[in-house]
Amino acid sequence: MINKPRIVIFGASRGGISAYHYFKHEYEVIAFADNDNKKHGQSLLGKPVVSAKDLQTMQLDKIVIASLYALQIHRQLVCDEGVDTALITRLPASFFDKAHPFYYAAGFIVAAVSIIVLFGFSSLIFYWLQYIF
């Protein structure tokens, strides 16, 4: 039997579940990690959920960050937990399209509303300026 690389998926939510199904054939997922204390000690998809501190004592080849907060988690792992940055892989935001179908839609709506408000505000300023000058 060929030994698969051992990984921990950081993110015990929908993103982590999506990552598990994506990686489970090529890697041995040994655990999920999460910052939510309520999840520690539980299991997800038959794998234990551990804290970031627990990662230091685990025999692993990679930590895959499956969270929209990947940059903050990466910084936490390197700066606070002393994890070698070479062990960390961050999934791109595009990976989460399937896990979070409204992620980009929400961004589009915020941008559209901002443009409408900005256009309305600039129209109001031009309206006032024509009476001032």
Protein backbone atom coordinates (compact mmCIF):
# COMPACT_ATOMS: atom_id res chain seq x y z
CA MET A 1 0.00 0.00 0.00
CA ILE A 2 1.31 3.44 -0.95
CA ASN A 3 1.45 5.93 1.89
CA LYS A 4 -0.46 9.06 1.04
CA PRO A 5 0.77 12.43 2.35
CA ARG A 6 -0.88 13.20 5.70
CA ILE A 7 -2.77 16.51 5.87
CA VAL A 8 -4.82 18.46 8.37
CA ILE A 9 -7.57 20.67 7.00
CA PHE A 10 -7.88 23.93 8.92
CA GLY A 11 -11.56 24.80 8.88
CA ALA A 12 -14.23 22.54 10.35
CA SER A 13 -17.13 24.06 8.42
CA ARG A 14 -18.48 23.89 4.87
CA GLY A 15 -15.14 24.94 3.38
CA GLY A 16 -13.35 22.18 5.28
CA ILE A 17 -15.93 19.61 4.22
CA SER A 18 -15.53 20.66 0.58
CA ALA A 19 -11.74 20.44 0.93
CA TYR A 20 -12.04 16.99 2.50
CA HIS A 21 -14.03 15.64 -0.44
CA TYR A 22 -11.62 17.28 -2.87
CA PHE A 23 -8.42 15.93 -1.23
CA LYS A 24 -9.50 12.59 0.28
CA HIS A 25 -8.40 10.46 -2.68
CA GLU A 26 -4.88 11.88 -2.96
CA TYR A 27 -4.14 12.60 0.70
CA GLU A 28 -4.78 11.02 4.06
CA VAL A 29 -6.82 13.58 5.95
CA ILE A 30 -5.88 12.90 9.58
CA ALA A 31 -7.82 15.70 11.29
CA PHE A 32 -9.59 19.01 11.00
CA ALA A 33 -8.36 22.04 12.93
CA ASP A 34 -10.48 25.00 13.94
CA ASN A 35 -10.33 28.08 16.17
CA ASP A 36 -13.82 27.43 17.56
CA ASN A 37 -13.30 25.89 21.03
CA LYS A 38 -16.77 24.31 20.88
CA LYS A 39 -15.66 22.09 17.99
CA HIS A 40 -12.49 20.80 19.68
CA GLY A 41 -12.76 17.16 20.73
CA GLN A 42 -15.63 16.51 18.33
CA SER A 43 -15.32 14.68 15.04
CA LEU A 44 -16.19 15.74 11.51
CA LEU A 45 -16.51 13.12 8.77
CA GLY A 46 -14.95 10.61 11.17
CA LYS A 47 -11.87 12.77 11.79
CA PRO A 48 -11.04 14.54 15.06
CA VAL A 49 -11.34 18.32 15.31
CA VAL A 50 -8.28 19.78 17.03
CA SER A 51 -7.01 23.21 18.04
CA ALA A 52 -4.20 25.09 16.33
CA LYS A 53 -1.92 24.32 19.29
CA ASP A 54 -2.42 20.57 18.73
CA LEU A 55 -0.87 20.82 15.26
CA GLN A 56 2.64 21.12 16.73
CA THR A 57 2.53 17.56 18.08
CA MET A 58 0.97 15.90 15.04
CA GLN A 59 2.82 13.93 12.37
CA LEU A 60 1.67 15.71 9.21
CA ASP A 61 2.96 16.68 5.80
CA LYS A 62 0.69 19.67 5.07
CA ILE A 63 -1.87 21.96 6.63
CA VAL A 64 -4.51 23.00 4.11
CA ILE A 65 -6.37 26.15 5.13
CA ALA A 66 -9.96 25.85 3.90
CA SER A 67 -11.41 29.12 5.15
CA LEU A 68 -12.26 32.54 3.85
CA TYR A 69 -10.06 33.80 6.72
CA ALA A 70 -7.00 32.04 5.27
CA LEU A 71 -4.63 35.01 5.56
CA GLN A 72 -5.42 35.53 9.25
CA ILE A 73 -5.16 31.79 9.97
CA HIS A 74 -1.85 31.59 8.09
CA ARG A 75 -0.49 34.45 10.18
CA GLN A 76 -1.75 32.78 13.38
CA LEU A 77 -0.11 29.46 12.52
CA VAL A 78 3.26 31.02 11.65
CA CYS A 79 3.46 33.79 14.25
CA ASP A 80 1.59 32.32 17.23
CA GLU A 81 2.03 28.57 16.80
CA GLY A 82 5.47 28.48 15.16
CA VAL A 83 4.38 26.36 12.19
CA ASP A 84 6.83 26.31 9.28
CA THR A 85 5.29 28.28 6.43
CA ALA A 86 6.38 25.55 3.98
CA LEU A 87 3.81 23.23 5.60
CA ILE A 88 0.88 25.58 4.92
CA THR A 89 -1.27 25.71 1.81
CA ARG A 90 -4.06 28.26 1.46
CA LEU A 91 -6.91 27.44 -0.85
CA PRO A 92 -7.89 30.28 -3.21
CA ALA A 93 -11.18 32.09 -2.69
CA SER A 94 -12.42 30.60 -5.97
CA PHE A 95 -12.37 27.17 -4.27
CA PHE A 96 -15.20 28.30 -2.01
CA ASP A 97 -17.65 29.03 -4.84
CA LYS A 98 -19.22 25.63 -4.25
CA ALA A 99 -19.17 25.94 -0.45
CA HIS A 100 -20.42 29.53 -0.37
CA PRO A 101 -22.57 30.17 -3.45
CA PHE A 102 -23.58 33.67 -2.31
CA TYR A 103 -20.05 34.83 -1.45
CA TYR A 104 -19.48 36.63 -4.75
CA ALA A 105 -23.14 37.60 -5.15
CA ALA A 106 -22.99 39.46 -1.84
CA GLY A 107 -19.87 41.31 -3.00
CA PHE A 108 -21.58 42.25 -6.24
CA ILE A 109 -24.64 43.56 -4.41
CA VAL A 110 -22.48 45.68 -2.08
CA ALA A 111 -20.56 47.08 -5.07
CA ALA A 112 -23.78 47.82 -6.98
CA VAL A 113 -25.34 49.62 -4.02
CA SER A 114 -22.12 51.60 -3.49
CA ILE A 115 -22.14 52.73 -7.12
CA ILE A 116 -25.80 53.74 -6.93
CA VAL A 117 -25.23 55.69 -3.72
CA LEU A 118 -22.10 57.35 -5.13
CA PHE A 119 -23.90 58.27 -8.35
CA GLY A 120 -26.85 59.64 -6.42
CA PHE A 121 -24.59 61.63 -4.10
CA SER A 122 -22.55 63.09 -6.98
CA SER A 123 -25.77 64.03 -8.82
CA LEU A 124 -26.95 65.84 -5.71
CA ILE A 125 -23.66 67.78 -5.46
CA PHE A 126 -23.87 68.83 -9.13
CA TYR A 127 -27.46 69.91 -8.56
CA TRP A 128 -26.40 72.12 -5.64
CA LEU A 129 -23.39 73.53 -7.50
CA GLN A 130 -25.49 74.78 -10.38
CA TYR A 131 -27.44 76.99 -7.93
CA ILE A 132 -24.34 78.20 -6.10
CA PHE A 133 -22.46 79.32 -9.22
